[in-house]
Amino acid sequence: MGTKISLTVLFENPFWIGLYERIDCDEYEVCKITFGAEPKDYEVYDFLLKNWDRLKFSPPVKCDGIEERKCNPKRLQREINRQLENKGIGTKAQQALKLQYEQNKNERKIKSREQKEAEKERKYALRKEKRKAKHKGK
């Protein structure tokens, strides 16, 4: 049981974004960070230090555990170079972000529905009060 984290910075037209992925036990979570202009390494590090507590991760998605394996240095270097190529967002990250987006959308719908109902009730009470005042002849 361990934790694995990774931060991938990539260009998604028209902004640079960061995908902060974390695998804890069997749970995969991802957070999307929008940078705007291309960030420098120290800017990314500074951003993470200052905004760590404000990052909103997607709900946990079940996944396979972390594979711990020894790797020779040349293979490790090839894997690093492969990861540095611009390939886009992985499917797990897309699924997790989509799940987070759907949850936020549902929360917004519920909140706006409640606001509409409250406004409707307020208008109805106002109309009722006007009718009552008109009936009394005031």
C-alpha atoms as a PDB file:
ATOM      1  CA  MET A   1       0.000   0.000   0.000  1.00  0.00           C
ATOM      2  CA  GLY A   2       1.509   3.265  -1.098  1.00  0.00           C
ATOM      3  CA  THR A   3       0.812   6.559  -2.715  1.00  0.00           C
ATOM      4  CA  LYS A   4       1.874   7.613  -6.172  1.00  0.00           C
ATOM      5  CA  ILE A   5       1.511  11.180  -7.418  1.00  0.00           C
ATOM      6  CA  SER A   6       2.331  12.789 -10.729  1.00  0.00           C
ATOM      7  CA  LEU A   7       1.957  16.216 -12.264  1.00  0.00           C
ATOM      8  CA  THR A   8       1.729  16.483 -16.039  1.00  0.00           C
ATOM      9  CA  VAL A   9       1.850  19.912 -17.664  1.00  0.00           C
ATOM     10  CA  LEU A  10       0.504  19.992 -21.209  1.00  0.00           C
ATOM     11  CA  PHE A  11      -0.893  22.383 -23.760  1.00  0.00           C
ATOM     12  CA  GLU A  12      -4.649  22.123 -24.304  1.00  0.00           C
ATOM     13  CA  ASN A  13      -5.602  24.818 -26.775  1.00  0.00           C
ATOM     14  CA  PRO A  14      -5.584  27.778 -25.854  1.00  0.00           C
ATOM     15  CA  PHE A  15      -4.129  27.296 -22.328  1.00  0.00           C
ATOM     16  CA  TRP A  16      -1.456  25.322 -20.542  1.00  0.00           C
ATOM     17  CA  ILE A  17      -2.958  22.973 -17.994  1.00  0.00           C
ATOM     18  CA  GLY A  18      -1.591  20.747 -15.283  1.00  0.00           C
ATOM     19  CA  LEU A  19      -3.020  17.333 -14.458  1.00  0.00           C
ATOM     20  CA  TYR A  20      -2.263  16.420 -10.877  1.00  0.00           C
ATOM     21  CA  GLU A  21      -2.935  12.700 -10.468  1.00  0.00           C
ATOM     22  CA  ARG A  22      -2.757  10.752  -7.251  1.00  0.00           C
ATOM     23  CA  ILE A  23      -3.203   7.056  -6.600  1.00  0.00           C
ATOM     24  CA  ASP A  24      -3.721   6.183  -2.958  1.00  0.00           C
ATOM     25  CA  CYS A  25      -4.229   2.460  -2.239  1.00  0.00           C
ATOM     26  CA  ASP A  26      -6.789   1.514  -4.916  1.00  0.00           C
ATOM     27  CA  GLU A  27      -8.265   4.987  -5.492  1.00  0.00           C
ATOM     28  CA  TYR A  28      -7.382   7.240  -8.416  1.00  0.00           C
ATOM     29  CA  GLU A  29      -8.065  10.995  -8.182  1.00  0.00           C
ATOM     30  CA  VAL A  30      -7.199  13.800 -10.560  1.00  0.00           C
ATOM     31  CA  CYS A  31      -7.216  17.595 -10.416  1.00  0.00           C
ATOM     32  CA  LYS A  32      -7.030  19.892 -13.426  1.00  0.00           C
ATOM     33  CA  ILE A  33      -5.100  23.155 -12.976  1.00  0.00           C
ATOM     34  CA  THR A  34      -5.273  25.886 -15.635  1.00  0.00           C
ATOM     35  CA  PHE A  35      -2.096  27.955 -15.905  1.00  0.00           C
ATOM     36  CA  GLY A  36      -2.715  30.183 -18.917  1.00  0.00           C
ATOM     37  CA  ALA A  37       0.723  31.013 -20.315  1.00  0.00           C
ATOM     38  CA  GLU A  38       3.420  28.341 -20.322  1.00  0.00           C
ATOM     39  CA  PRO A  39       4.571  28.008 -16.703  1.00  0.00           C
ATOM     40  CA  LYS A  40       8.174  27.661 -15.622  1.00  0.00           C
ATOM     41  CA  ASP A  41       9.170  24.844 -13.251  1.00  0.00           C
ATOM     42  CA  TYR A  42       9.537  27.166 -10.288  1.00  0.00           C
ATOM     43  CA  GLU A  43       6.109  28.730 -11.007  1.00  0.00           C
ATOM     44  CA  VAL A  44       4.453  25.300 -10.955  1.00  0.00           C
ATOM     45  CA  TYR A  45       6.226  24.397  -7.725  1.00  0.00           C
ATOM     46  CA  ASP A  46       5.304  27.741  -6.143  1.00  0.00           C
ATOM     47  CA  PHE A  47       1.672  27.333  -7.242  1.00  0.00           C
ATOM     48  CA  LEU A  48       1.456  23.878  -5.647  1.00  0.00           C
ATOM     49  CA  LEU A  49       2.972  25.111  -2.403  1.00  0.00           C
ATOM     50  CA  LYS A  50       0.610  28.068  -2.111  1.00  0.00           C
ATOM     51  CA  ASN A  51      -2.616  26.461  -3.368  1.00  0.00           C
ATOM     52  CA  TRP A  52      -2.298  22.868  -2.144  1.00  0.00           C
ATOM     53  CA  ASP A  53      -5.279  23.125   0.226  1.00  0.00           C
ATOM     54  CA  ARG A  54      -7.530  24.663  -2.466  1.00  0.00           C
ATOM     55  CA  LEU A  55      -7.079  21.944  -5.098  1.00  0.00           C
ATOM     56  CA  LYS A  56     -10.342  20.163  -5.900  1.00  0.00           C
ATOM     57  CA  PHE A  57      -9.814  16.550  -6.806  1.00  0.00           C
ATOM     58  CA  SER A  58     -12.305  14.404  -8.650  1.00  0.00           C
ATOM     59  CA  PRO A  59     -14.190  11.761  -6.696  1.00  0.00           C
ATOM     60  CA  PRO A  60     -12.085   8.626  -6.215  1.00  0.00           C
ATOM     61  CA  VAL A  61     -12.240   6.035  -8.989  1.00  0.00           C
ATOM     62  CA  LYS A  62     -11.306   2.430  -8.260  1.00  0.00           C
ATOM     63  CA  CYS A  63      -8.181   1.233 -10.070  1.00  0.00           C
ATOM     64  CA  ASP A  64      -5.516  -1.423  -9.862  1.00  0.00           C
ATOM     65  CA  GLY A  65      -2.850  -1.049  -7.193  1.00  0.00           C
ATOM     66  CA  ILE A  66       0.529   0.535  -7.736  1.00  0.00           C
ATOM     67  CA  GLU A  67       3.084  -1.715  -9.361  1.00  0.00           C
ATOM     68  CA  GLU A  68       6.441  -1.518  -7.623  1.00  0.00           C
ATOM     69  CA  ARG A  69       9.207  -2.801  -9.845  1.00  0.00           C
ATOM     70  CA  LYS A  70      12.894  -2.298 -10.242  1.00  0.00           C
ATOM     71  CA  CYS A  71      13.900  -0.768 -13.539  1.00  0.00           C
ATOM     72  CA  ASN A  72      17.280  -0.376 -15.118  1.00  0.00           C
ATOM     73  CA  PRO A  73      18.406   3.221 -15.755  1.00  0.00           C
ATOM     74  CA  LYS A  74      18.226   3.081 -19.556  1.00  0.00           C
ATOM     75  CA  ARG A  75      14.655   1.774 -19.529  1.00  0.00           C
ATOM     76  CA  LEU A  76      13.726   4.391 -16.931  1.00  0.00           C
ATOM     77  CA  GLN A  77      15.196   7.131 -19.153  1.00  0.00           C
ATOM     78  CA  ARG A  78      13.212   5.841 -22.166  1.00  0.00           C
ATOM     79  CA  GLU A  79       9.987   5.858 -20.106  1.00  0.00           C
ATOM     80  CA  ILE A  80      10.669   9.424 -18.980  1.00  0.00           C
ATOM     81  CA  ASN A  81      11.226  10.511 -22.588  1.00  0.00           C
ATOM     82  CA  ARG A  82       8.004   8.760 -23.633  1.00  0.00           C
ATOM     83  CA  GLN A  83       6.084  10.621 -20.924  1.00  0.00           C
ATOM     84  CA  LEU A  84       7.574  13.937 -22.012  1.00  0.00           C
ATOM     85  CA  GLU A  85       6.052  13.550 -25.474  1.00  0.00           C
ATOM     86  CA  ASN A  86       2.802  15.448 -25.909  1.00  0.00           C
ATOM     87  CA  LYS A  87       0.177  12.714 -25.888  1.00  0.00           C
ATOM     88  CA  GLY A  88      -2.728  14.491 -24.166  1.00  0.00           C
ATOM     89  CA  ILE A  89      -4.905  13.447 -21.275  1.00  0.00           C
ATOM     90  CA  GLY A  90      -5.063   9.772 -20.333  1.00  0.00           C
ATOM     91  CA  THR A  91      -8.404   7.992 -20.292  1.00  0.00           C
ATOM     92  CA  LYS A  92      -8.455   7.541 -16.501  1.00  0.00           C
ATOM     93  CA  ALA A  93      -7.867  11.262 -16.047  1.00  0.00           C
ATOM     94  CA  GLN A  94     -10.609  12.064 -18.556  1.00  0.00           C
ATOM     95  CA  GLN A  95     -13.068   9.794 -16.765  1.00  0.00           C
ATOM     96  CA  ALA A  96     -12.254  11.250 -13.362  1.00  0.00           C
ATOM     97  CA  LEU A  97     -12.539  14.841 -14.636  1.00  0.00           C
ATOM     98  CA  LYS A  98     -15.821  14.001 -16.377  1.00  0.00           C
ATOM     99  CA  LEU A  99     -17.189  12.552 -13.132  1.00  0.00           C
ATOM    100  CA  GLN A 100     -16.178  15.710 -11.249  1.00  0.00           C
ATOM    101  CA  TYR A 101     -17.772  17.875 -13.964  1.00  0.00           C
ATOM    102  CA  GLU A 102     -21.051  15.906 -13.769  1.00  0.00           C
ATOM    103  CA  GLN A 103     -21.190  16.255  -9.992  1.00  0.00           C
ATOM    104  CA  ASN A 104     -20.598  20.012 -10.186  1.00  0.00           C
ATOM    105  CA  LYS A 105     -23.267  20.282 -12.895  1.00  0.00           C
ATOM    106  CA  ASN A 106     -25.804  18.436 -10.727  1.00  0.00           C
ATOM    107  CA  GLU A 107     -25.015  20.668  -7.751  1.00  0.00           C
ATOM    108  CA  ARG A 108     -25.503  23.784  -9.918  1.00  0.00           C
ATOM    109  CA  LYS A 109     -28.835  22.461 -11.211  1.00  0.00           C
ATOM    110  CA  ILE A 110     -30.102  21.779  -7.694  1.00  0.00           C
ATOM    111  CA  LYS A 111     -28.974  25.186  -6.453  1.00  0.00           C
ATOM    112  CA  SER A 112     -30.521  27.078  -9.391  1.00  0.00           C
ATOM    113  CA  ARG A 113     -33.769  25.105  -9.062  1.00  0.00           C
ATOM    114  CA  GLU A 114     -33.978  26.041  -5.370  1.00  0.00           C
ATOM    115  CA  GLN A 115     -33.303  29.694  -6.198  1.00  0.00           C
ATOM    116  CA  LYS A 116     -36.043  29.702  -8.870  1.00  0.00           C
ATOM    117  CA  GLU A 117     -38.541  28.153  -6.460  1.00  0.00           C
ATOM    118  CA  ALA A 118     -37.655  30.659  -3.728  1.00  0.00           C
ATOM    119  CA  GLU A 119     -38.063  33.551  -6.197  1.00  0.00           C
ATOM    120  CA  LYS A 120     -41.400  32.126  -7.352  1.00  0.00           C
ATOM    121  CA  GLU A 121     -42.646  31.861  -3.754  1.00  0.00           C
ATOM    122  CA  ARG A 122     -41.471  35.404  -3.006  1.00  0.00           C
ATOM    123  CA  LYS A 123     -43.326  36.784  -6.031  1.00  0.00           C
ATOM    124  CA  TYR A 124     -46.454  34.832  -5.102  1.00  0.00           C
ATOM    125  CA  ALA A 125     -46.352  36.192  -1.527  1.00  0.00           C
ATOM    126  CA  LEU A 126     -45.919  39.719  -2.894  1.00  0.00           C
ATOM    127  CA  ARG A 127     -48.909  39.327  -5.252  1.00  0.00           C
ATOM    128  CA  LYS A 128     -50.985  37.878  -2.424  1.00  0.00           C
ATOM    129  CA  GLU A 129     -50.079  40.800  -0.170  1.00  0.00           C
ATOM    130  CA  LYS A 130     -51.011  43.339  -2.897  1.00  0.00           C
ATOM    131  CA  ARG A 131     -54.382  41.677  -3.422  1.00  0.00           C
ATOM    132  CA  LYS A 132     -55.059  41.716   0.299  1.00  0.00           C
ATOM    133  CA  ALA A 133     -54.135  45.400   0.537  1.00  0.00           C
ATOM    134  CA  LYS A 134     -56.319  46.201  -2.484  1.00  0.00           C
ATOM    135  CA  HIS A 135     -59.263  44.298  -1.015  1.00  0.00           C
ATOM    136  CA  LYS A 136     -59.045  46.207   2.275  1.00  0.00           C
ATOM    137  CA  GLY A 137     -59.104  49.456   0.354  1.00  0.00           C
ATOM    138  CA  LYS A 138     -55.745  50.758   1.496  1.00  0.00           C
END
